[in-house]
């Protein structure tokens, strides 16, 4: 069957296969053991009002779980429900009852996945038991949650890419993914401590770089403001303004504003 990267491997030819902690040793068990990737992962899947499912609460035990059934029995619907909490597009036509919303929840044990940094980066509360929830209404409105925190689908997809692999017929294998290759190399070389130290230094570098960019922008704005103020000062000096000149100009402006009225009054006086 081959190794399962994150504890979940899905169907081919009429079977759904879920791998959990201490599942049957795969071909590359030595790699999996070093990577610590065969651990209890998906613990529970709750589906309400989706396709032909009115309500389903599916619990997964440790080890290997295989769900079998004839064509049309609903195996693919479980995949569709799982896909919703992985960030796939929702279709309000897939409602069991078109008057109620659909809710899909997945419960995952992530204590061994070292995802604390991800949760901290995105300001989401971390728990060893992760709860992913997806809701969509008959009106087509969709919402996604990570540990009860509202998130966008892109963030949910980013998290699930580190949790779940769906292997189906004609799918492209992760072995062609550069990021997966790097993770395998780090795991096999035993660089956990070095990798953690590098990540810490890289985060510090990114923080310092952001600060440097902010200072560069501040300097640029300061230079522009300084040039503008220098221009204004030059214009004021060229104007040759005198003390008290403003009051005189204001008085002249007032007189000019009433010039027409003054002319009319003068003309009236002359005629009389």
C-alpha atoms as a PDB file:
ATOM      1  CA  UNK A   1       0.000   0.000   0.000  1.00  0.00           C
ATOM      2  CA  UNK A   2       2.958   2.340   0.542  1.00  0.00           C
ATOM      3  CA  UNK A   3       3.634   4.817   3.331  1.00  0.00           C
ATOM      4  CA  UNK A   4       1.027   7.288   4.501  1.00  0.00           C
ATOM      5  CA  UNK A   5       2.583  10.636   5.247  1.00  0.00           C
ATOM      6  CA  UNK A   6       0.155  12.063   7.760  1.00  0.00           C
ATOM      7  CA  UNK A   7      -1.976   9.185   8.886  1.00  0.00           C
ATOM      8  CA  UNK A   8      -4.686   9.347   6.250  1.00  0.00           C
ATOM      9  CA  UNK A   9      -4.798   7.495   2.986  1.00  0.00           C
ATOM     10  CA  UNK A  10      -7.921   7.350   0.918  1.00  0.00           C
ATOM     11  CA  UNK A  11      -9.622   5.101  -1.471  1.00  0.00           C
ATOM     12  CA  UNK A  12      -9.044   3.261  -4.654  1.00  0.00           C
ATOM     13  CA  UNK A  13     -11.314   0.642  -6.199  1.00  0.00           C
ATOM     14  CA  UNK A  14     -14.191   0.626  -3.750  1.00  0.00           C
ATOM     15  CA  UNK A  15     -12.335   1.134  -0.474  1.00  0.00           C
ATOM     16  CA  UNK A  16     -11.710   3.999   1.895  1.00  0.00           C
ATOM     17  CA  UNK A  17      -8.534   3.471   3.893  1.00  0.00           C
ATOM     18  CA  UNK A  18      -7.787   5.504   7.010  1.00  0.00           C
ATOM     19  CA  UNK A  19      -4.398   5.049   8.664  1.00  0.00           C
ATOM     20  CA  UNK A  20      -3.846   5.949  12.283  1.00  0.00           C
ATOM     21  CA  UNK A  21      -1.242   5.316  14.973  1.00  0.00           C
ATOM     22  CA  UNK A  22       0.771   2.109  14.666  1.00  0.00           C
ATOM     23  CA  UNK A  23      -0.916   1.030  11.477  1.00  0.00           C
ATOM     24  CA  UNK A  24       0.459  -1.917   9.557  1.00  0.00           C
ATOM     25  CA  UNK A  25       4.103  -1.261   8.706  1.00  0.00           C
ATOM     26  CA  UNK A  26       4.377   0.169   5.217  1.00  0.00           C
ATOM     27  CA  UNK A  27       7.118  -0.540   2.734  1.00  0.00           C
ATOM     28  CA  UNK A  28       9.170   2.428   3.884  1.00  0.00           C
ATOM     29  CA  UNK A  29       8.641   1.873   7.600  1.00  0.00           C
ATOM     30  CA  UNK A  30      12.199   2.919   8.411  1.00  0.00           C
ATOM     31  CA  UNK A  31      11.560   6.308   6.796  1.00  0.00           C
ATOM     32  CA  UNK A  32       8.170   6.667   8.465  1.00  0.00           C
ATOM     33  CA  UNK A  33       9.614   5.772  11.849  1.00  0.00           C
ATOM     34  CA  UNK A  34      12.344   8.398  11.595  1.00  0.00           C
ATOM     35  CA  UNK A  35       9.862  10.998  10.401  1.00  0.00           C
ATOM     36  CA  UNK A  36       7.429  10.118  13.211  1.00  0.00           C
ATOM     37  CA  UNK A  37       4.598  10.360  10.712  1.00  0.00           C
ATOM     38  CA  UNK A  38       2.447   7.376  11.602  1.00  0.00           C
ATOM     39  CA  UNK A  39       0.578   8.727  14.599  1.00  0.00           C
ATOM     40  CA  UNK A  40      -3.043   8.942  15.572  1.00  0.00           C
ATOM     41  CA  UNK A  41      -4.364  11.731  13.410  1.00  0.00           C
ATOM     42  CA  UNK A  42      -7.992  11.967  12.409  1.00  0.00           C
ATOM     43  CA  UNK A  43     -10.059  10.951  15.426  1.00  0.00           C
ATOM     44  CA  UNK A  44     -13.585  11.880  14.442  1.00  0.00           C
ATOM     45  CA  UNK A  45     -15.589  13.153  11.503  1.00  0.00           C
ATOM     46  CA  UNK A  46     -18.988  14.743  12.069  1.00  0.00           C
ATOM     47  CA  UNK A  47     -21.224  15.458   9.077  1.00  0.00           C
ATOM     48  CA  UNK A  48     -24.664  17.058   9.148  1.00  0.00           C
ATOM     49  CA  UNK A  49     -27.010  17.788   6.260  1.00  0.00           C
ATOM     50  CA  UNK A  50     -24.595  16.910   3.451  1.00  0.00           C
ATOM     51  CA  UNK A  51     -25.599  15.059   0.256  1.00  0.00           C
ATOM     52  CA  UNK A  52     -27.378  11.845   1.353  1.00  0.00           C
ATOM     53  CA  UNK A  53     -26.192  12.226   4.954  1.00  0.00           C
ATOM     54  CA  UNK A  54     -28.679  13.672   7.415  1.00  0.00           C
ATOM     55  CA  UNK A  55     -26.257  13.306  10.315  1.00  0.00           C
ATOM     56  CA  UNK A  56     -23.186  11.124  10.778  1.00  0.00           C
ATOM     57  CA  UNK A  57     -20.697  10.866  13.630  1.00  0.00           C
ATOM     58  CA  UNK A  58     -17.760   8.708  12.562  1.00  0.00           C
ATOM     59  CA  UNK A  59     -15.086   7.774  15.124  1.00  0.00           C
ATOM     60  CA  UNK A  60     -11.717   6.314  14.137  1.00  0.00           C
ATOM     61  CA  UNK A  61      -9.858   3.866  16.347  1.00  0.00           C
ATOM     62  CA  UNK A  62      -6.097   3.450  16.482  1.00  0.00           C
ATOM     63  CA  UNK A  63      -4.698   1.448  13.620  1.00  0.00           C
ATOM     64  CA  UNK A  64      -6.063   0.855  10.160  1.00  0.00           C
ATOM     65  CA  UNK A  65      -9.663   1.645   9.242  1.00  0.00           C
ATOM     66  CA  UNK A  66     -11.122   0.485   5.932  1.00  0.00           C
ATOM     67  CA  UNK A  67     -14.581   1.501   4.777  1.00  0.00           C
ATOM     68  CA  UNK A  68     -15.943  -0.660   1.960  1.00  0.00           C
ATOM     69  CA  UNK A  69     -19.138  -0.623  -0.024  1.00  0.00           C
ATOM     70  CA  UNK A  70     -20.656  -1.043  -3.419  1.00  0.00           C
ATOM     71  CA  UNK A  71     -20.637   1.711  -6.000  1.00  0.00           C
ATOM     72  CA  UNK A  72     -23.054   4.400  -4.883  1.00  0.00           C
ATOM     73  CA  UNK A  73     -22.959   3.415  -1.231  1.00  0.00           C
ATOM     74  CA  UNK A  74     -21.584   6.833  -0.248  1.00  0.00           C
ATOM     75  CA  UNK A  75     -17.825   6.350   0.123  1.00  0.00           C
ATOM     76  CA  UNK A  76     -17.099   9.321  -2.122  1.00  0.00           C
ATOM     77  CA  UNK A  77     -19.473  11.457  -0.072  1.00  0.00           C
ATOM     78  CA  UNK A  78     -17.207  10.988   2.943  1.00  0.00           C
ATOM     79  CA  UNK A  79     -14.354  12.203   0.780  1.00  0.00           C
ATOM     80  CA  UNK A  80     -16.430  15.200  -0.252  1.00  0.00           C
ATOM     81  CA  UNK A  81     -17.216  16.024   3.382  1.00  0.00           C
ATOM     82  CA  UNK A  82     -13.559  15.687   4.293  1.00  0.00           C
ATOM     83  CA  UNK A  83     -12.679  17.908   1.356  1.00  0.00           C
ATOM     84  CA  UNK A  84     -14.865  20.685   2.765  1.00  0.00           C
ATOM     85  CA  UNK A  85     -12.787  20.966   5.931  1.00  0.00           C
ATOM     86  CA  UNK A  86      -9.688  20.879   3.731  1.00  0.00           C
ATOM     87  CA  UNK A  87     -10.858  24.078   2.068  1.00  0.00           C
ATOM     88  CA  UNK A  88     -12.543  22.747  -1.055  1.00  0.00           C
ATOM     89  CA  UNK A  89     -15.303  24.751  -2.668  1.00  0.00           C
ATOM     90  CA  UNK A  90     -18.779  24.264  -1.189  1.00  0.00           C
ATOM     91  CA  UNK A  91     -21.868  23.643  -3.303  1.00  0.00           C
ATOM     92  CA  UNK A  92     -25.229  24.530  -1.763  1.00  0.00           C
ATOM     93  CA  UNK A  93     -26.844  21.996  -4.112  1.00  0.00           C
ATOM     94  CA  UNK A  94     -25.266  19.243  -2.004  1.00  0.00           C
ATOM     95  CA  UNK A  95     -27.570  19.861   0.967  1.00  0.00           C
ATOM     96  CA  UNK A  96     -29.617  16.965   2.341  1.00  0.00           C
ATOM     97  CA  UNK A  97     -32.261  19.408   3.524  1.00  0.00           C
ATOM     98  CA  UNK A  98     -32.247  22.554   1.412  1.00  0.00           C
ATOM     99  CA  UNK A  99     -33.772  24.561   4.262  1.00  0.00           C
ATOM    100  CA  UNK A 100     -30.907  23.977   6.715  1.00  0.00           C
ATOM    101  CA  UNK A 101     -27.200  24.666   6.725  1.00  0.00           C
ATOM    102  CA  UNK A 102     -24.530  21.996   6.294  1.00  0.00           C
ATOM    103  CA  UNK A 103     -21.910  21.481   9.000  1.00  0.00           C
ATOM    104  CA  UNK A 104     -18.791  19.321   8.698  1.00  0.00           C
ATOM    105  CA  UNK A 105     -16.329  18.981  11.579  1.00  0.00           C
ATOM    106  CA  UNK A 106     -13.059  17.110  11.763  1.00  0.00           C
ATOM    107  CA  UNK A 107     -11.219  16.342  14.997  1.00  0.00           C
ATOM    108  CA  UNK A 108      -7.470  15.744  14.746  1.00  0.00           C
ATOM    109  CA  UNK A 109      -4.726  14.877  17.205  1.00  0.00           C
ATOM    110  CA  UNK A 110      -1.827  17.147  16.240  1.00  0.00           C
ATOM    111  CA  UNK A 111       0.385  16.968  19.316  1.00  0.00           C
ATOM    112  CA  UNK A 112       3.284  15.453  17.354  1.00  0.00           C
ATOM    113  CA  UNK A 113       3.097  17.792  14.359  1.00  0.00           C
ATOM    114  CA  UNK A 114       4.888  20.805  15.840  1.00  0.00           C
ATOM    115  CA  UNK A 115       2.340  23.278  14.529  1.00  0.00           C
ATOM    116  CA  UNK A 116       2.516  25.715  17.425  1.00  0.00           C
ATOM    117  CA  UNK A 117       4.437  28.186  15.272  1.00  0.00           C
ATOM    118  CA  UNK A 118       1.715  28.134  12.609  1.00  0.00           C
ATOM    119  CA  UNK A 119      -1.006  28.883  15.177  1.00  0.00           C
ATOM    120  CA  UNK A 120       1.048  31.616  16.823  1.00  0.00           C
ATOM    121  CA  UNK A 121       1.816  33.239  13.466  1.00  0.00           C
ATOM    122  CA  UNK A 122      -1.876  33.419  12.584  1.00  0.00           C
ATOM    123  CA  UNK A 123      -3.074  34.338  16.089  1.00  0.00           C
ATOM    124  CA  UNK A 124      -5.131  31.164  16.600  1.00  0.00           C
ATOM    125  CA  UNK A 125      -5.400  29.325  19.915  1.00  0.00           C
ATOM    126  CA  UNK A 126      -3.430  26.076  19.851  1.00  0.00           C
ATOM    127  CA  UNK A 127      -4.814  22.834  21.265  1.00  0.00           C
ATOM    128  CA  UNK A 128      -3.469  19.301  20.910  1.00  0.00           C
ATOM    129  CA  UNK A 129      -6.909  18.390  19.591  1.00  0.00           C
ATOM    130  CA  UNK A 130      -7.551  20.445  16.497  1.00  0.00           C
ATOM    131  CA  UNK A 131     -11.128  21.089  15.389  1.00  0.00           C
ATOM    132  CA  UNK A 132     -11.749  22.107  11.799  1.00  0.00           C
ATOM    133  CA  UNK A 133     -15.285  23.185  10.944  1.00  0.00           C
ATOM    134  CA  UNK A 134     -16.939  24.207   7.735  1.00  0.00           C
ATOM    135  CA  UNK A 135     -20.464  25.534   7.342  1.00  0.00           C
ATOM    136  CA  UNK A 136     -22.457  26.588   4.320  1.00  0.00           C
ATOM    137  CA  UNK A 137     -26.034  27.768   4.074  1.00  0.00           C
ATOM    138  CA  UNK A 138     -28.783  27.237   1.487  1.00  0.00           C
ATOM    139  CA  UNK A 139     -28.111  30.824   0.354  1.00  0.00           C
ATOM    140  CA  UNK A 140     -24.569  29.813  -0.589  1.00  0.00           C
ATOM    141  CA  UNK A 141     -22.770  31.562   2.263  1.00  0.00           C
ATOM    142  CA  UNK A 142     -19.742  29.604   3.466  1.00  0.00           C
ATOM    143  CA  UNK A 143     -17.720  29.921   6.671  1.00  0.00           C
ATOM    144  CA  UNK A 144     -14.585  28.157   7.896  1.00  0.00           C
ATOM    145  CA  UNK A 145     -13.238  27.787  11.446  1.00  0.00           C
ATOM    146  CA  UNK A 146     -10.022  26.565  13.026  1.00  0.00           C
ATOM    147  CA  UNK A 147     -10.538  25.888  16.734  1.00  0.00           C
ATOM    148  CA  UNK A 148     -13.650  28.121  16.627  1.00  0.00           C
ATOM    149  CA  UNK A 149     -11.655  30.991  15.110  1.00  0.00           C
ATOM    150  CA  UNK A 150     -13.117  32.247  11.802  1.00  0.00           C
ATOM    151  CA  UNK A 151     -10.557  31.950   8.994  1.00  0.00           C
ATOM    152  CA  UNK A 152     -10.468  32.227   5.218  1.00  0.00           C
ATOM    153  CA  UNK A 153     -10.265  29.166   2.996  1.00  0.00           C
ATOM    154  CA  UNK A 154      -6.687  29.868   1.982  1.00  0.00           C
ATOM    155  CA  UNK A 155      -5.523  29.579   5.590  1.00  0.00           C
ATOM    156  CA  UNK A 156      -7.549  26.398   6.112  1.00  0.00           C
ATOM    157  CA  UNK A 157      -6.005  24.907   2.974  1.00  0.00           C
ATOM    158  CA  UNK A 158      -2.526  25.868   4.162  1.00  0.00           C
ATOM    159  CA  UNK A 159      -3.059  24.119   7.497  1.00  0.00           C
ATOM    160  CA  UNK A 160      -4.646  21.020   5.978  1.00  0.00           C
ATOM    161  CA  UNK A 161      -1.770  20.648   3.541  1.00  0.00           C
ATOM    162  CA  UNK A 162       0.320  19.808   6.617  1.00  0.00           C
ATOM    163  CA  UNK A 163      -2.275  17.434   8.056  1.00  0.00           C
ATOM    164  CA  UNK A 164      -3.999  15.413   5.371  1.00  0.00           C
ATOM    165  CA  UNK A 165      -3.050  13.775   2.107  1.00  0.00           C
ATOM    166  CA  UNK A 166      -5.752  12.461  -0.160  1.00  0.00           C
ATOM    167  CA  UNK A 167      -4.460   9.735  -2.466  1.00  0.00           C
ATOM    168  CA  UNK A 168      -6.889   8.888  -5.223  1.00  0.00           C
ATOM    169  CA  UNK A 169      -6.635   7.430  -8.648  1.00  0.00           C
ATOM    170  CA  UNK A 170      -4.668   9.654 -11.045  1.00  0.00           C
ATOM    171  CA  UNK A 171      -3.486  11.931  -8.206  1.00  0.00           C
ATOM    172  CA  UNK A 172       0.035  13.354  -8.364  1.00  0.00           C
ATOM    173  CA  UNK A 173       2.259  12.019  -5.582  1.00  0.00           C
ATOM    174  CA  UNK A 174       3.820  14.296  -2.983  1.00  0.00           C
ATOM    175  CA  UNK A 175       7.244  12.969  -3.902  1.00  0.00           C
ATOM    176  CA  UNK A 176       7.244  15.534  -6.726  1.00  0.00           C
ATOM    177  CA  UNK A 177       6.590  18.385  -4.329  1.00  0.00           C
ATOM    178  CA  UNK A 178       9.781  20.290  -3.433  1.00  0.00           C
ATOM    179  CA  UNK A 179       8.568  21.244   0.050  1.00  0.00           C
ATOM    180  CA  UNK A 180       7.760  17.612   0.857  1.00  0.00           C
ATOM    181  CA  UNK A 181      11.188  16.548  -0.374  1.00  0.00           C
ATOM    182  CA  UNK A 182      12.847  19.076   1.937  1.00  0.00           C
ATOM    183  CA  UNK A 183      10.779  17.853   4.900  1.00  0.00           C
ATOM    184  CA  UNK A 184      11.819  14.267   4.201  1.00  0.00           C
ATOM    185  CA  UNK A 185      15.489  15.252   3.949  1.00  0.00           C
ATOM    186  CA  UNK A 186      15.334  17.175   7.227  1.00  0.00           C
ATOM    187  CA  UNK A 187      13.632  14.244   8.950  1.00  0.00           C
ATOM    188  CA  UNK A 188      16.017  11.602   7.629  1.00  0.00           C
ATOM    189  CA  UNK A 189      19.118  13.633   8.428  1.00  0.00           C
ATOM    190  CA  UNK A 190      18.053  14.128  12.036  1.00  0.00           C
ATOM    191  CA  UNK A 191      18.260  17.907  11.795  1.00  0.00           C
ATOM    192  CA  UNK A 192      15.333  18.652  14.091  1.00  0.00           C
ATOM    193  CA  UNK A 193      17.342  20.832  16.497  1.00  0.00           C
ATOM    194  CA  UNK A 194      19.257  22.562  13.707  1.00  0.00           C
ATOM    195  CA  UNK A 195      16.038  23.150  11.802  1.00  0.00           C
ATOM    196  CA  UNK A 196      14.387  24.676  14.866  1.00  0.00           C
ATOM    197  CA  UNK A 197      17.409  26.947  15.413  1.00  0.00           C
ATOM    198  CA  UNK A 198      17.405  27.952  11.747  1.00  0.00           C
ATOM    199  CA  UNK A 199      13.697  28.749  11.840  1.00  0.00           C
ATOM    200  CA  UNK A 200      14.230  30.936  14.898  1.00  0.00           C
ATOM    201  CA  UNK A 201      17.083  32.807  13.207  1.00  0.00           C
ATOM    202  CA  UNK A 202      15.105  33.123   9.989  1.00  0.00           C
ATOM    203  CA  UNK A 203      12.127  34.576  11.859  1.00  0.00           C
ATOM    204  CA  UNK A 204      14.479  37.086  13.522  1.00  0.00           C
ATOM    205  CA  UNK A 205      15.927  37.932  10.097  1.00  0.00           C
ATOM    206  CA  UNK A 206      12.461  38.467   8.644  1.00  0.00           C
ATOM    207  CA  UNK A 207      11.474  40.660  11.591  1.00  0.00           C
ATOM    208  CA  UNK A 208      14.653  42.745  11.236  1.00  0.00           C
ATOM    209  CA  UNK A 209      14.138  43.001   7.481  1.00  0.00           C
ATOM    210  CA  UNK A 210      10.585  44.243   7.969  1.00  0.00           C
ATOM    211  CA  UNK A 211      11.873  46.806  10.472  1.00  0.00           C
ATOM    212  CA  UNK A 212      14.592  47.897   8.030  1.00  0.00           C
ATOM    213  CA  UNK A 213      12.008  48.289   5.253  1.00  0.00           C
ATOM    214  CA  UNK A 214       9.861  50.398   7.582  1.00  0.00           C
ATOM    215  CA  UNK A 215      12.853  52.614   8.422  1.00  0.00           C
ATOM    216  CA  UNK A 216      13.689  52.978   4.724  1.00  0.00           C
ATOM    217  CA  UNK A 217      10.108  54.044   4.004  1.00  0.00           C
ATOM    218  CA  UNK A 218      10.212  56.480   6.937  1.00  0.00           C
ATOM    219  CA  UNK A 219      13.472  57.951   5.643  1.00  0.00           C
ATOM    220  CA  UNK A 220      12.007  58.295   2.166  1.00  0.00           C
ATOM    221  CA  UNK A 221       8.929  60.090   3.521  1.00  0.00           C
ATOM    222  CA  UNK A 222      11.116  62.315   5.701  1.00  0.00           C
ATOM    223  CA  UNK A 223      13.281  63.263   2.701  1.00  0.00           C
ATOM    224  CA  UNK A 224      10.203  64.131   0.631  1.00  0.00           C
ATOM    225  CA  UNK A 225       8.747  66.189   3.456  1.00  0.00           C
ATOM    226  CA  UNK A 226      12.077  67.955   3.974  1.00  0.00           C
ATOM    227  CA  UNK A 227      12.267  68.828   0.261  1.00  0.00           C
ATOM    228  CA  UNK A 228       8.689  70.158   0.339  1.00  0.00           C
ATOM    229  CA  UNK A 229       9.357  72.295   3.416  1.00  0.00           C
ATOM    230  CA  UNK A 230      12.536  73.648   1.819  1.00  0.00           C
ATOM    231  CA  UNK A 231      10.533  74.564  -1.282  1.00  0.00           C
ATOM    232  CA  UNK A 232       7.921  76.367   0.823  1.00  0.00           C
ATOM    233  CA  UNK A 233      10.635  78.249   2.706  1.00  0.00           C
ATOM    234  CA  UNK A 234      12.221  79.329  -0.584  1.00  0.00           C
ATOM    235  CA  UNK A 235       8.865  80.583  -1.867  1.00  0.00           C
ATOM    236  CA  UNK A 236       8.247  82.552   1.325  1.00  0.00           C
ATOM    237  CA  UNK A 237      11.683  84.132   1.191  1.00  0.00           C
ATOM    238  CA  UNK A 238      11.189  85.055  -2.469  1.00  0.00           C
ATOM    239  CA  UNK A 239       7.851  86.702  -1.649  1.00  0.00           C
ATOM    240  CA  UNK A 240       9.644  89.270   0.537  1.00  0.00           C
ATOM    241  CA  UNK A 241       6.836  89.510   3.080  1.00  0.00           C
ATOM    242  CA  UNK A 242       6.966  92.381   5.585  1.00  0.00           C
ATOM    243  CA  UNK A 243       5.727  92.651   9.148  1.00  0.00           C
ATOM    244  CA  UNK A 244       2.116  93.839   9.257  1.00  0.00           C
ATOM    245  CA  UNK A 245       1.687  93.262   5.532  1.00  0.00           C
ATOM    246  CA  UNK A 246      -1.035  90.684   6.054  1.00  0.00           C
ATOM    247  CA  UNK A 247      -3.322  93.123   7.871  1.00  0.00           C
ATOM    248  CA  UNK A 248      -2.892  95.700   5.108  1.00  0.00           C
ATOM    249  CA  UNK A 249      -3.630  93.127   2.421  1.00  0.00           C
ATOM    250  CA  UNK A 250      -6.734  91.962   4.269  1.00  0.00           C
ATOM    251  CA  UNK A 251      -8.012  95.555   4.532  1.00  0.00           C
ATOM    252  CA  UNK A 252      -7.355  96.072   0.822  1.00  0.00           C
ATOM    253  CA  UNK A 253      -9.146  92.831   0.011  1.00  0.00           C
ATOM    254  CA  UNK A 254     -12.167  93.947   2.033  1.00  0.00           C
ATOM    255  CA  UNK A 255     -12.263  97.246   0.209  1.00  0.00           C
ATOM    256  CA  UNK A 256     -12.008  95.588  -3.177  1.00  0.00           C
ATOM    257  CA  UNK A 257     -14.755  93.135  -2.247  1.00  0.00           C
ATOM    258  CA  UNK A 258     -17.095  96.135  -1.691  1.00  0.00           C
ATOM    259  CA  UNK A 259     -15.789  98.217  -4.574  1.00  0.00           C
ATOM    260  CA  UNK A 260     -18.911  97.806  -6.694  1.00  0.00           C
ATOM    261  CA  UNK A 261     -21.175  98.834  -3.832  1.00  0.00           C
ATOM    262  CA  UNK A 262     -18.993 101.867  -3.097  1.00  0.00           C
ATOM    263  CA  UNK A 263     -19.145 102.957  -6.768  1.00  0.00           C
ATOM    264  CA  UNK A 264     -22.914 102.699  -6.784  1.00  0.00           C
ATOM    265  CA  UNK A 265     -23.208 104.827  -3.657  1.00  0.00           C
ATOM    266  CA  UNK A 266     -20.831 107.435  -5.080  1.00  0.00           C
ATOM    267  CA  UNK A 267     -22.852 107.593  -8.281  1.00  0.00           C
ATOM    268  CA  UNK A 268     -26.057 108.033  -6.289  1.00  0.00           C
ATOM    269  CA  UNK A 269     -24.583 110.870  -4.285  1.00  0.00           C
ATOM    270  CA  UNK A 270     -23.440 112.669  -7.468  1.00  0.00           C
ATOM    271  CA  UNK A 271     -26.886 112.398  -9.067  1.00  0.00           C
ATOM    272  CA  UNK A 272     -28.582 113.725  -5.983  1.00  0.00           C
END
